[in-house]
Amino acid sequence: MACVGSNGELTESARRMLAALENPATPEQVAAHTELPLFRVRGGLREMAEAGLIELSAGVYASTQQGRALLSAKR
């Protein structure tokens, strides 16, 4: 599951997950908020963390400045 398309824009599921991380959250909380399956959320969070869009600290994910900028660019 790619979180950023070839055009540099977030995929719909990545946008939903990143928006859910307006406040730090666990994967389970993100899944509940987005209504996406937990396995998809975990994979997406892993990809977004590798891309520098979010960061993990003590089991909780939060968006980075880069992630917030990419999300707000689409709004």
PDB file of N, CA and C in Angstrom:
ATOM      1  N   MET A   1       0.842  -1.183   0.000  1.00  0.00           N
ATOM      2  CA  MET A   1       0.000   0.000   0.000  1.00  0.00           C
ATOM      3  C   MET A   1       0.881   1.238   0.000  1.00  0.00           C
ATOM      4  N   ALA A   2       0.875   1.948  -1.080  1.00  0.00           N
ATOM      5  CA  ALA A   2       1.655   3.176  -1.149  1.00  0.00           C
ATOM      6  C   ALA A   2       0.862   4.308  -0.504  1.00  0.00           C
ATOM      7  N   CYS A   3       1.539   5.078   0.302  1.00  0.00           N
ATOM      8  CA  CYS A   3       0.868   6.187   0.979  1.00  0.00           C
ATOM      9  C   CYS A   3       0.965   7.489   0.192  1.00  0.00           C
ATOM     10  N   VAL A   4       1.986   7.566  -0.651  1.00  0.00           N
ATOM     11  CA  VAL A   4       2.156   8.744  -1.485  1.00  0.00           C
ATOM     12  C   VAL A   4       2.206   8.266  -2.924  1.00  0.00           C
ATOM     13  N   GLY A   5       1.348   8.818  -3.743  1.00  0.00           N
ATOM     14  CA  GLY A   5       1.285   8.415  -5.140  1.00  0.00           C
ATOM     15  C   GLY A   5       2.454   8.948  -5.942  1.00  0.00           C
ATOM     16  N   SER A   6       2.553   8.525  -7.189  1.00  0.00           N
ATOM     17  CA  SER A   6       3.643   8.954  -8.061  1.00  0.00           C
ATOM     18  C   SER A   6       3.610  10.459  -8.323  1.00  0.00           C
ATOM     19  N   ASN A   7       2.448  11.066  -8.113  1.00  0.00           N
ATOM     20  CA  ASN A   7       2.320  12.513  -8.290  1.00  0.00           C
ATOM     21  C   ASN A   7       2.701  13.301  -7.039  1.00  0.00           C
ATOM     22  N   GLY A   8       3.126  12.591  -5.991  1.00  0.00           N
ATOM     23  CA  GLY A   8       3.543  13.258  -4.761  1.00  0.00           C
ATOM     24  C   GLY A   8       2.415  13.566  -3.801  1.00  0.00           C
ATOM     25  N   GLU A   9       1.192  13.175  -4.159  1.00  0.00           N
ATOM     26  CA  GLU A   9       0.043  13.426  -3.288  1.00  0.00           C
ATOM     27  C   GLU A   9      -0.249  12.211  -2.423  1.00  0.00           C
ATOM     28  N   LEU A  10      -0.818  12.469  -1.259  1.00  0.00           N
ATOM     29  CA  LEU A  10      -1.219  11.395  -0.356  1.00  0.00           C
ATOM     30  C   LEU A  10      -2.359  10.591  -0.966  1.00  0.00           C
ATOM     31  N   THR A  11      -2.349   9.283  -0.724  1.00  0.00           N
ATOM     32  CA  THR A  11      -3.493   8.477  -1.111  1.00  0.00           C
ATOM     33  C   THR A  11      -4.643   8.804  -0.156  1.00  0.00           C
ATOM     34  N   GLU A  12      -5.840   8.408  -0.515  1.00  0.00           N
ATOM     35  CA  GLU A  12      -7.006   8.692   0.328  1.00  0.00           C
ATOM     36  C   GLU A  12      -6.849   8.069   1.714  1.00  0.00           C
ATOM     37  N   SER A  13      -6.405   6.826   1.782  1.00  0.00           N
ATOM     38  CA  SER A  13      -6.262   6.183   3.098  1.00  0.00           C
ATOM     39  C   SER A  13      -5.155   6.855   3.910  1.00  0.00           C
ATOM     40  N   ALA A  14      -4.067   7.242   3.271  1.00  0.00           N
ATOM     41  CA  ALA A  14      -2.992   7.935   3.986  1.00  0.00           C
ATOM     42  C   ALA A  14      -3.480   9.289   4.504  1.00  0.00           C
ATOM     43  N   ARG A  15      -4.273   9.978   3.702  1.00  0.00           N
ATOM     44  CA  ARG A  15      -4.819  11.275   4.119  1.00  0.00           C
ATOM     45  C   ARG A  15      -5.706  11.099   5.349  1.00  0.00           C
ATOM     46  N   ARG A  16      -6.520  10.046   5.346  1.00  0.00           N
ATOM     47  CA  ARG A  16      -7.399   9.794   6.487  1.00  0.00           C
ATOM     48  C   ARG A  16      -6.594   9.465   7.743  1.00  0.00           C
ATOM     49  N   MET A  17      -5.554   8.636   7.577  1.00  0.00           N
ATOM     50  CA  MET A  17      -4.727   8.280   8.734  1.00  0.00           C
ATOM     51  C   MET A  17      -3.966   9.488   9.266  1.00  0.00           C
ATOM     52  N   LEU A  18      -3.407  10.282   8.363  1.00  0.00           N
ATOM     53  CA  LEU A  18      -2.654  11.460   8.792  1.00  0.00           C
ATOM     54  C   LEU A  18      -3.571  12.465   9.479  1.00  0.00           C
ATOM     55  N   ALA A  19      -4.781  12.625   8.978  1.00  0.00           N
ATOM     56  CA  ALA A  19      -5.741  13.524   9.624  1.00  0.00           C
ATOM     57  C   ALA A  19      -6.110  13.014  11.009  1.00  0.00           C
ATOM     58  N   ALA A  20      -6.175  11.690  11.165  1.00  0.00           N
ATOM     59  CA  ALA A  20      -6.481  11.111  12.478  1.00  0.00           C
ATOM     60  C   ALA A  20      -5.367  11.359  13.479  1.00  0.00           C
ATOM     61  N   LEU A  21      -4.175  11.669  12.975  1.00  0.00           N
ATOM     62  CA  LEU A  21      -3.037  11.920  13.855  1.00  0.00           C
ATOM     63  C   LEU A  21      -2.859  13.400  14.176  1.00  0.00           C
ATOM     64  N   GLU A  22      -3.926  14.156  14.051  1.00  0.00           N
ATOM     65  CA  GLU A  22      -3.888  15.561  14.484  1.00  0.00           C
ATOM     66  C   GLU A  22      -3.478  15.604  15.955  1.00  0.00           C
ATOM     67  N   ASN A  23      -3.948  14.606  16.693  1.00  0.00           N
ATOM     68  CA  ASN A  23      -3.507  14.381  18.072  1.00  0.00           C
ATOM     69  C   ASN A  23      -2.831  13.011  18.096  1.00  0.00           C
ATOM     70  N   PRO A  24      -1.731  12.850  18.828  1.00  0.00           N
ATOM     71  CA  PRO A  24      -1.045  11.555  18.870  1.00  0.00           C
ATOM     72  C   PRO A  24      -2.009  10.413  19.205  1.00  0.00           C
ATOM     73  N   ALA A  25      -1.782   9.267  18.557  1.00  0.00           N
ATOM     74  CA  ALA A  25      -2.702   8.137  18.708  1.00  0.00           C
ATOM     75  C   ALA A  25      -1.989   6.814  18.472  1.00  0.00           C
ATOM     76  N   THR A  26      -2.581   5.763  18.997  1.00  0.00           N
ATOM     77  CA  THR A  26      -2.100   4.407  18.756  1.00  0.00           C
ATOM     78  C   THR A  26      -2.673   3.915  17.427  1.00  0.00           C
ATOM     79  N   PRO A  27      -2.115   2.846  16.871  1.00  0.00           N
ATOM     80  CA  PRO A  27      -2.697   2.292  15.642  1.00  0.00           C
ATOM     81  C   PRO A  27      -4.165   1.906  15.825  1.00  0.00           C
ATOM     82  N   GLU A  28      -4.507   1.371  16.973  1.00  0.00           N
ATOM     83  CA  GLU A  28      -5.896   0.992  17.237  1.00  0.00           C
ATOM     84  C   GLU A  28      -6.822   2.207  17.222  1.00  0.00           C
ATOM     85  N   GLN A  29      -6.368   3.309  17.773  1.00  0.00           N
ATOM     86  CA  GLN A  29      -7.174   4.533  17.769  1.00  0.00           C
ATOM     87  C   GLN A  29      -7.330   5.083  16.356  1.00  0.00           C
ATOM     88  N   VAL A  30      -6.254   5.017  15.574  1.00  0.00           N
ATOM     89  CA  VAL A  30      -6.322   5.481  14.184  1.00  0.00           C
ATOM     90  C   VAL A  30      -7.306   4.606  13.399  1.00  0.00           C
ATOM     91  N   ALA A  31      -7.239   3.295  13.602  1.00  0.00           N
ATOM     92  CA  ALA A  31      -8.162   2.381  12.914  1.00  0.00           C
ATOM     93  C   ALA A  31      -9.611   2.691  13.286  1.00  0.00           C
ATOM     94  N   ALA A  32      -9.871   2.938  14.549  1.00  0.00           N
ATOM     95  CA  ALA A  32     -11.229   3.254  14.988  1.00  0.00           C
ATOM     96  C   ALA A  32     -11.703   4.574  14.387  1.00  0.00           C
ATOM     97  N   HIS A  33     -10.820   5.553  14.335  1.00  0.00           N
ATOM     98  CA  HIS A  33     -11.182   6.878  13.819  1.00  0.00           C
ATOM     99  C   HIS A  33     -11.422   6.846  12.313  1.00  0.00           C
ATOM    100  N   THR A  34     -10.597   6.099  11.587  1.00  0.00           N
ATOM    101  CA  THR A  34     -10.700   6.078  10.123  1.00  0.00           C
ATOM    102  C   THR A  34     -11.606   4.982   9.592  1.00  0.00           C
ATOM    103  N   GLU A  35     -11.962   4.028  10.453  1.00  0.00           N
ATOM    104  CA  GLU A  35     -12.738   2.857  10.055  1.00  0.00           C
ATOM    105  C   GLU A  35     -12.016   2.018   9.005  1.00  0.00           C
ATOM    106  N   LEU A  36     -10.682   2.053   9.027  1.00  0.00           N
ATOM    107  CA  LEU A  36      -9.854   1.206   8.176  1.00  0.00           C
ATOM    108  C   LEU A  36      -9.442  -0.020   8.979  1.00  0.00           C
ATOM    109  N   PRO A  37      -9.196  -1.144   8.312  1.00  0.00           N
ATOM    110  CA  PRO A  37      -8.745  -2.330   9.041  1.00  0.00           C
ATOM    111  C   PRO A  37      -7.399  -2.073   9.727  1.00  0.00           C
ATOM    112  N   LEU A  38      -7.232  -2.652  10.890  1.00  0.00           N
ATOM    113  CA  LEU A  38      -6.020  -2.430  11.670  1.00  0.00           C
ATOM    114  C   LEU A  38      -4.766  -2.839  10.903  1.00  0.00           C
ATOM    115  N   PHE A  39      -4.818  -3.935  10.138  1.00  0.00           N
ATOM    116  CA  PHE A  39      -3.630  -4.353   9.389  1.00  0.00           C
ATOM    117  C   PHE A  39      -3.240  -3.304   8.348  1.00  0.00           C
ATOM    118  N   ARG A  40      -4.220  -2.655   7.737  1.00  0.00           N
ATOM    119  CA  ARG A  40      -3.938  -1.609   6.758  1.00  0.00           C
ATOM    120  C   ARG A  40      -3.375  -0.370   7.445  1.00  0.00           C
ATOM    121  N   VAL A  41      -3.918  -0.031   8.601  1.00  0.00           N
ATOM    122  CA  VAL A  41      -3.423   1.117   9.360  1.00  0.00           C
ATOM    123  C   VAL A  41      -1.972   0.887   9.775  1.00  0.00           C
ATOM    124  N   ARG A  42      -1.674  -0.296  10.304  1.00  0.00           N
ATOM    125  CA  ARG A  42      -0.291  -0.577  10.728  1.00  0.00           C
ATOM    126  C   ARG A  42       0.679  -0.459   9.558  1.00  0.00           C
ATOM    127  N   GLY A  43       0.305  -1.005   8.409  1.00  0.00           N
ATOM    128  CA  GLY A  43       1.166  -0.904   7.229  1.00  0.00           C
ATOM    129  C   GLY A  43       1.332   0.536   6.766  1.00  0.00           C
ATOM    130  N   GLY A  44       0.231   1.268   6.758  1.00  0.00           N
ATOM    131  CA  GLY A  44       0.287   2.665   6.338  1.00  0.00           C
ATOM    132  C   GLY A  44       1.107   3.522   7.286  1.00  0.00           C
ATOM    133  N   LEU A  45       0.949   3.288   8.577  1.00  0.00           N
ATOM    134  CA  LEU A  45       1.736   4.054   9.558  1.00  0.00           C
ATOM    135  C   LEU A  45       3.215   3.755   9.399  1.00  0.00           C
ATOM    136  N   ARG A  46       3.547   2.497   9.158  1.00  0.00           N
ATOM    137  CA  ARG A  46       4.946   2.114   8.961  1.00  0.00           C
ATOM    138  C   ARG A  46       5.521   2.841   7.742  1.00  0.00           C
ATOM    139  N   GLU A  47       4.776   2.855   6.632  1.00  0.00           N
ATOM    140  CA  GLU A  47       5.240   3.541   5.419  1.00  0.00           C
ATOM    141  C   GLU A  47       5.369   5.043   5.631  1.00  0.00           C
ATOM    142  N   MET A  48       4.394   5.639   6.309  1.00  0.00           N
ATOM    143  CA  MET A  48       4.465   7.083   6.541  1.00  0.00           C
ATOM    144  C   MET A  48       5.605   7.438   7.490  1.00  0.00           C
ATOM    145  N   ALA A  49       5.903   6.569   8.441  1.00  0.00           N
ATOM    146  CA  ALA A  49       7.036   6.808   9.333  1.00  0.00           C
ATOM    147  C   ALA A  49       8.341   6.750   8.546  1.00  0.00           C
ATOM    148  N   GLU A  50       8.466   5.777   7.657  1.00  0.00           N
ATOM    149  CA  GLU A  50       9.659   5.658   6.819  1.00  0.00           C
ATOM    150  C   GLU A  50       9.819   6.866   5.906  1.00  0.00           C
ATOM    151  N   ALA A  51       8.707   7.461   5.491  1.00  0.00           N
ATOM    152  CA  ALA A  51       8.734   8.641   4.622  1.00  0.00           C
ATOM    153  C   ALA A  51       8.928   9.932   5.404  1.00  0.00           C
ATOM    154  N   GLY A  52       8.933   9.853   6.741  1.00  0.00           N
ATOM    155  CA  GLY A  52       9.132  11.050   7.558  1.00  0.00           C
ATOM    156  C   GLY A  52       7.883  11.874   7.783  1.00  0.00           C
ATOM    157  N   LEU A  53       6.705  11.309   7.477  1.00  0.00           N
ATOM    158  CA  LEU A  53       5.456  12.049   7.628  1.00  0.00           C
ATOM    159  C   LEU A  53       4.899  11.964   9.045  1.00  0.00           C
ATOM    160  N   ILE A  54       5.270  10.897   9.748  1.00  0.00           N
ATOM    161  CA  ILE A  54       4.849  10.713  11.135  1.00  0.00           C
ATOM    162  C   ILE A  54       6.025  10.160  11.921  1.00  0.00           C
ATOM    163  N   GLU A  55       5.914  10.187  13.246  1.00  0.00           N
ATOM    164  CA  GLU A  55       6.947   9.608  14.089  1.00  0.00           C
ATOM    165  C   GLU A  55       6.306   8.811  15.208  1.00  0.00           C
ATOM    166  N   LEU A  56       7.037   7.809  15.673  1.00  0.00           N
ATOM    167  CA  LEU A  56       6.570   6.920  16.727  1.00  0.00           C
ATOM    168  C   LEU A  56       7.364   7.188  17.988  1.00  0.00           C
ATOM    169  N   SER A  57       6.655   7.338  19.098  1.00  0.00           N
ATOM    170  CA  SER A  57       7.297   7.522  20.396  1.00  0.00           C
ATOM    171  C   SER A  57       6.445   6.824  21.444  1.00  0.00           C
ATOM    172  N   ALA A  58       7.029   5.842  22.116  1.00  0.00           N
ATOM    173  CA  ALA A  58       6.350   5.101  23.191  1.00  0.00           C
ATOM    174  C   ALA A  58       5.024   4.487  22.733  1.00  0.00           C
ATOM    175  N   GLY A  59       4.997   3.953  21.506  1.00  0.00           N
ATOM    176  CA  GLY A  59       3.806   3.281  21.004  1.00  0.00           C
ATOM    177  C   GLY A  59       2.723   4.193  20.470  1.00  0.00           C
ATOM    178  N   VAL A  60       3.005   5.490  20.421  1.00  0.00           N
ATOM    179  CA  VAL A  60       2.019   6.470  19.953  1.00  0.00           C
ATOM    180  C   VAL A  60       2.600   7.199  18.739  1.00  0.00           C
ATOM    181  N   TYR A  61       1.794   7.331  17.704  1.00  0.00           N
ATOM    182  CA  TYR A  61       2.220   8.022  16.486  1.00  0.00           C
ATOM    183  C   TYR A  61       1.737   9.469  16.505  1.00  0.00           C
ATOM    184  N   ALA A  62       2.547  10.335  15.908  1.00  0.00           N
ATOM    185  CA  ALA A  62       2.180  11.750  15.770  1.00  0.00           C
ATOM    186  C   ALA A  62       2.683  12.238  14.414  1.00  0.00           C
ATOM    187  N   SER A  63       1.979  13.160  13.828  1.00  0.00           N
ATOM    188  CA  SER A  63       2.411  13.700  12.541  1.00  0.00           C
ATOM    189  C   SER A  63       3.607  14.625  12.749  1.00  0.00           C
ATOM    190  N   THR A  64       4.465  14.652  11.748  1.00  0.00           N
ATOM    191  CA  THR A  64       5.618  15.549  11.766  1.00  0.00           C
ATOM    192  C   THR A  64       5.242  16.830  11.036  1.00  0.00           C
ATOM    193  N   GLN A  65       6.133  17.781  11.064  1.00  0.00           N
ATOM    194  CA  GLN A  65       5.894  19.032  10.346  1.00  0.00           C
ATOM    195  C   GLN A  65       5.728  18.743   8.851  1.00  0.00           C
ATOM    196  N   GLN A  66       6.538  17.836   8.324  1.00  0.00           N
ATOM    197  CA  GLN A  66       6.444  17.461   6.914  1.00  0.00           C
ATOM    198  C   GLN A  66       5.082  16.835   6.610  1.00  0.00           C
ATOM    199  N   GLY A  67       4.604  15.972   7.495  1.00  0.00           N
ATOM    200  CA  GLY A  67       3.306  15.344   7.307  1.00  0.00           C
ATOM    201  C   GLY A  67       2.172  16.349   7.345  1.00  0.00           C
ATOM    202  N   ARG A  68       2.229  17.258   8.315  1.00  0.00           N
ATOM    203  CA  ARG A  68       1.184  18.287   8.416  1.00  0.00           C
ATOM    204  C   ARG A  68       1.185  19.190   7.190  1.00  0.00           C
ATOM    205  N   ALA A  69       2.366  19.519   6.667  1.00  0.00           N
ATOM    206  CA  ALA A  69       2.449  20.374   5.487  1.00  0.00           C
ATOM    207  C   ALA A  69       1.857  19.667   4.270  1.00  0.00           C
ATOM    208  N   LEU A  70       2.153  18.381   4.109  1.00  0.00           N
ATOM    209  CA  LEU A  70       1.616  17.637   2.977  1.00  0.00           C
ATOM    210  C   LEU A  70       0.097  17.504   3.079  1.00  0.00           C
ATOM    211  N   LEU A  71      -0.399  17.287   4.269  1.00  0.00           N
ATOM    212  CA  LEU A  71      -1.842  17.179   4.470  1.00  0.00           C
ATOM    213  C   LEU A  71      -2.535  18.512   4.213  1.00  0.00           C
ATOM    214  N   SER A  72      -1.985  19.596   4.693  1.00  0.00           N
ATOM    215  CA  SER A  72      -2.626  20.904   4.512  1.00  0.00           C
ATOM    216  C   SER A  72      -2.516  21.402   3.084  1.00  0.00           C
ATOM    217  N   ALA A  73      -1.532  20.928   2.336  1.00  0.00           N
ATOM    218  CA  ALA A  73      -1.381  21.345   0.932  1.00  0.00           C
ATOM    219  C   ALA A  73      -2.558  20.873   0.096  1.00  0.00           C
ATOM    220  N   LYS A  74      -3.185  19.775   0.490  1.00  0.00           N
ATOM    221  CA  LYS A  74      -4.302  19.222  -0.270  1.00  0.00           C
ATOM    222  C   LYS A  74      -5.643  19.853   0.125  1.00  0.00           C
ATOM    223  N   ARG A  75      -5.720  20.460   1.278  1.00  0.00           N
ATOM    224  CA  ARG A  75      -7.000  21.014   1.759  1.00  0.00           C
ATOM    225  C   ARG A  75      -7.374  22.265   1.031  1.00  0.00           C
TER     226      ARG A  75
END
